[in-house]
Amino acid sequence: MSDSSKHAESDPAGDHDHAAKRGHADHEHGDHHDHDADTVAVAVVTVSSSRSLEADASGDRIVDAFETAGHEVVVRELVDDEFDGVQGTVDRLVRRDDTDAVVTTGGTGVTPDDVTPEAVRPLLDKTLPGFGELFRRLSYEEVGTRTVGSRATAGIADGTAVFCLPGSENAVRLGVEDVILPEIGHLAGLASRDEPTE
């Protein structure tokens, strides 16, 4: 991730009439984007007891999307859909010094084996409810009311952005290309800002 200058908080209640007239431009966030990371190092985790890395279309889609966007996939793993395994894998990955984000695919549905959100949530220092809300809204446009069965989740763990996506390739495409990639540099930059060093 690229380093940048210190952030100065802007006052959303302040006088920003000129910015408001321009719509989105510069609105209340001020210079938040000064911290955006140009490139992000990503760990990709497929949660499945039936797939292999050699036959993992959803994992392939995540890798291809990030690399095409100029980011780096530093590790790719497959873990069984079992609580301790999922939690331990994500916990280990967010602690890596070379990882800015973790993206999982699989285990976000409603079957008894779908435990990814339950395993990951205790690791999160902050949740990003807007991620799941936006994902489900966009998903509704493609699959209709079936989106109510999706429990896509995101948050920040140990200064690392974590995104939990469904296992289908279409859901991964939607989540990564339409939601994660447009914001990953911004989120990763802010999440790692001013972390204490040992």
Protein backbone atom coordinates (compact mmCIF):
# COMPACT_ATOMS: atom_id res chain seq x y z
CA MET A 1 0.00 0.00 0.00
CA SER A 2 1.19 3.48 -0.74
CA ASP A 3 1.83 5.84 2.17
CA SER A 4 0.18 9.25 2.28
CA SER A 5 -0.21 12.34 4.42
CA LYS A 6 -2.10 12.56 7.70
CA HIS A 7 -5.85 12.94 7.50
CA ALA A 8 -7.63 16.01 8.81
CA GLU A 9 -11.28 15.35 9.70
CA SER A 10 -13.80 17.55 7.93
CA ASP A 11 -17.01 18.73 9.56
CA PRO A 12 -20.04 17.27 7.78
CA ALA A 13 -22.20 19.93 9.44
CA GLY A 14 -19.98 22.76 8.22
CA ASP A 15 -20.45 25.13 5.32
CA HIS A 16 -20.17 23.00 2.20
CA ASP A 17 -22.82 24.62 0.00
CA HIS A 18 -20.46 24.87 -2.95
CA ALA A 19 -19.54 21.18 -2.67
CA ALA A 20 -23.17 20.17 -2.28
CA LYS A 21 -23.99 21.92 -5.54
CA ARG A 22 -21.40 19.77 -7.28
CA GLY A 23 -23.10 16.61 -6.03
CA HIS A 24 -20.66 13.87 -5.09
CA ALA A 25 -17.48 15.85 -5.60
CA ASP A 26 -15.49 16.29 -2.41
CA HIS A 27 -18.65 16.26 -0.22
CA GLU A 28 -18.28 15.82 3.52
CA HIS A 29 -15.32 13.46 3.34
CA GLY A 30 -12.82 16.20 2.66
CA ASP A 31 -9.40 14.63 2.03
CA HIS A 32 -10.30 11.06 3.09
CA HIS A 33 -9.10 9.85 -0.29
CA ASP A 34 -5.58 11.06 0.48
CA HIS A 35 -5.15 7.68 2.19
CA ASP A 36 -6.34 5.52 -0.69
CA ALA A 37 -4.04 2.62 -1.52
CA ASP A 38 -3.00 2.44 -5.16
CA THR A 39 -2.47 -1.31 -4.96
CA VAL A 40 -3.86 -3.76 -2.44
CA ALA A 41 -2.46 -7.14 -1.39
CA VAL A 42 -5.30 -9.65 -1.15
CA ALA A 43 -5.73 -13.10 0.37
CA VAL A 44 -8.43 -15.24 -1.28
CA VAL A 45 -10.11 -18.02 0.70
CA THR A 46 -12.54 -20.55 -0.76
CA VAL A 47 -14.77 -22.11 1.89
CA SER A 48 -15.91 -25.51 0.64
CA SER A 49 -15.72 -29.18 1.50
CA SER A 50 -16.48 -30.23 -2.07
CA ARG A 51 -14.22 -28.06 -4.26
CA SER A 52 -10.52 -28.08 -4.99
CA LEU A 53 -8.34 -25.13 -5.94
CA GLU A 54 -8.00 -26.72 -9.37
CA ALA A 55 -11.79 -26.60 -9.84
CA ASP A 56 -12.73 -23.34 -8.16
CA ALA A 57 -14.39 -21.00 -10.63
CA SER A 58 -15.43 -18.50 -7.97
CA GLY A 59 -11.95 -18.28 -6.49
CA ASP A 60 -10.52 -17.92 -9.99
CA ARG A 61 -12.93 -15.07 -10.64
CA ILE A 62 -11.80 -13.20 -7.54
CA VAL A 63 -8.13 -13.62 -8.42
CA ASP A 64 -8.64 -12.54 -12.03
CA ALA A 65 -10.68 -9.49 -11.05
CA PHE A 66 -8.15 -8.21 -8.52
CA GLU A 67 -5.14 -8.85 -10.74
CA THR A 68 -6.83 -7.25 -13.74
CA ALA A 69 -7.47 -4.17 -11.59
CA GLY A 70 -3.74 -3.98 -10.77
CA HIS A 71 -3.82 -5.49 -7.29
CA GLU A 72 -1.79 -8.43 -5.98
CA VAL A 73 -3.09 -11.77 -4.74
CA VAL A 74 -0.54 -12.81 -2.12
CA VAL A 75 -2.13 -16.04 -0.97
CA ARG A 76 -4.95 -18.33 -2.00
CA GLU A 77 -6.32 -21.05 0.26
CA LEU A 78 -9.10 -23.63 0.45
CA VAL A 79 -10.70 -24.47 3.79
CA ASP A 80 -13.51 -26.85 4.71
CA ASP A 81 -16.82 -25.27 5.68
CA GLU A 82 -16.23 -25.80 9.38
CA PHE A 83 -16.33 -23.05 12.01
CA ASP A 84 -12.90 -23.42 13.60
CA GLY A 85 -11.16 -23.91 10.28
CA VAL A 86 -12.73 -20.84 8.71
CA GLN A 87 -12.13 -18.66 11.76
CA GLY A 88 -8.55 -19.82 12.21
CA THR A 89 -7.71 -19.28 8.55
CA VAL A 90 -9.13 -15.76 8.37
CA ASP A 91 -7.56 -14.84 11.73
CA ARG A 92 -4.15 -15.99 10.52
CA LEU A 93 -4.45 -14.12 7.23
CA VAL A 94 -5.52 -10.77 8.70
CA ARG A 95 -2.43 -10.86 10.93
CA ARG A 96 -0.05 -11.17 7.99
CA ASP A 97 2.01 -8.06 7.39
CA ASP A 98 1.72 -8.48 3.62
CA THR A 99 -2.09 -8.66 3.46
CA ASP A 100 -4.38 -5.64 3.14
CA ALA A 101 -7.64 -7.48 2.49
CA VAL A 102 -9.13 -10.95 2.79
CA VAL A 103 -11.93 -12.09 0.49
CA THR A 104 -13.75 -15.34 1.19
CA THR A 105 -16.19 -17.14 -1.09
CA GLY A 106 -18.67 -19.70 0.18
CA GLY A 107 -20.50 -20.48 3.39
CA THR A 108 -22.77 -17.43 3.53
CA GLY A 109 -26.08 -19.19 2.85
CA VAL A 110 -28.58 -20.76 5.21
CA THR A 111 -27.69 -24.46 5.23
CA PRO A 112 -26.28 -25.98 8.44
CA ASP A 113 -22.82 -26.02 6.84
CA ASP A 114 -22.87 -22.29 6.06
CA VAL A 115 -20.85 -20.88 8.94
CA THR A 116 -18.59 -18.26 7.36
CA PRO A 117 -20.35 -15.17 8.82
CA GLU A 118 -20.54 -16.75 12.28
CA ALA A 119 -16.85 -17.66 12.14
CA VAL A 120 -15.66 -14.28 10.86
CA ARG A 121 -17.80 -11.81 12.82
CA PRO A 122 -16.03 -12.35 16.18
CA LEU A 123 -12.77 -11.33 14.48
CA LEU A 124 -14.11 -7.99 13.27
CA ASP A 125 -13.19 -4.82 15.13
CA LYS A 126 -15.64 -2.89 12.95
CA THR A 127 -18.48 -4.12 10.77
CA LEU A 128 -19.40 -2.66 7.39
CA PRO A 129 -23.17 -3.20 7.20
CA GLY A 130 -23.40 -1.13 4.05
CA PHE A 131 -21.53 -3.83 2.15
CA GLY A 132 -24.16 -6.49 2.74
CA GLU A 133 -26.96 -4.01 2.18
CA LEU A 134 -25.58 -2.88 -1.18
CA PHE A 135 -24.69 -6.40 -2.25
CA ARG A 136 -28.23 -7.61 -1.60
CA ARG A 137 -29.78 -4.62 -3.35
CA LEU A 138 -27.70 -5.23 -6.47
CA SER A 139 -28.26 -8.97 -6.20
CA TYR A 140 -32.02 -8.41 -6.12
CA GLU A 141 -31.79 -6.94 -9.61
CA GLU A 142 -30.35 -10.26 -10.83
CA VAL A 143 -31.97 -12.98 -8.71
CA GLY A 144 -35.02 -11.30 -7.22
CA THR A 145 -36.20 -12.23 -3.76
CA ARG A 146 -33.74 -15.11 -3.49
CA THR A 147 -31.30 -12.50 -2.25
CA VAL A 148 -32.91 -12.70 1.21
CA GLY A 149 -30.97 -15.94 1.70
CA SER A 150 -27.61 -14.21 1.26
CA ARG A 151 -25.60 -13.25 4.34
CA ALA A 152 -22.70 -11.51 2.63
CA THR A 153 -20.67 -9.79 5.35
CA ALA A 154 -17.76 -7.37 5.62
CA GLY A 155 -15.72 -5.56 8.23
CA ILE A 156 -12.28 -4.61 9.47
CA ALA A 157 -10.14 -7.04 11.47
CA ASP A 158 -6.72 -6.07 12.78
CA GLY A 159 -6.48 -3.24 10.23
CA THR A 160 -7.40 -5.56 7.36
CA ALA A 161 -10.56 -5.34 5.27
CA VAL A 162 -12.50 -8.63 5.21
CA PHE A 163 -15.26 -9.49 2.75
CA CYS A 164 -17.33 -12.68 2.88
CA LEU A 165 -19.07 -13.49 -0.40
CA PRO A 166 -21.38 -16.32 -1.46
CA GLY A 167 -19.96 -19.27 -3.33
CA SER A 168 -21.60 -18.79 -6.72
CA GLU A 169 -19.54 -17.33 -9.53
CA ASN A 170 -22.24 -14.77 -10.38
CA ALA A 171 -22.38 -13.57 -6.78
CA VAL A 172 -18.59 -13.27 -6.69
CA ARG A 173 -18.60 -11.28 -9.92
CA LEU A 174 -21.20 -8.91 -8.54
CA GLY A 175 -19.58 -8.53 -5.14
CA VAL A 176 -16.02 -8.05 -6.35
CA GLU A 177 -16.49 -6.07 -9.54
CA ASP A 178 -19.44 -3.88 -8.54
CA VAL A 179 -18.88 -3.36 -4.82
CA ILE A 180 -15.41 -4.30 -3.54
CA LEU A 181 -13.07 -3.12 -6.29
CA PRO A 182 -14.47 0.43 -6.52
CA GLU A 183 -13.83 0.93 -2.78
CA ILE A 184 -11.00 -1.43 -1.83
CA GLY A 185 -8.21 1.13 -2.12
CA HIS A 186 -10.13 3.61 0.01
CA LEU A 187 -11.14 1.07 2.67
CA ALA A 188 -7.73 -0.58 2.87
CA GLY A 189 -6.01 2.78 3.15
CA LEU A 190 -8.23 3.98 5.97
CA ALA A 191 -8.31 0.64 7.80
CA SER A 192 -4.53 0.45 8.10
CA ARG A 193 -4.01 4.13 8.91
CA ASP A 194 -2.26 4.97 12.16
CA GLU A 195 -1.99 1.37 13.30
CA PRO A 196 0.32 1.10 16.32
CA THR A 197 3.72 -0.36 15.56
CA GLU A 198 5.68 -2.59 17.88
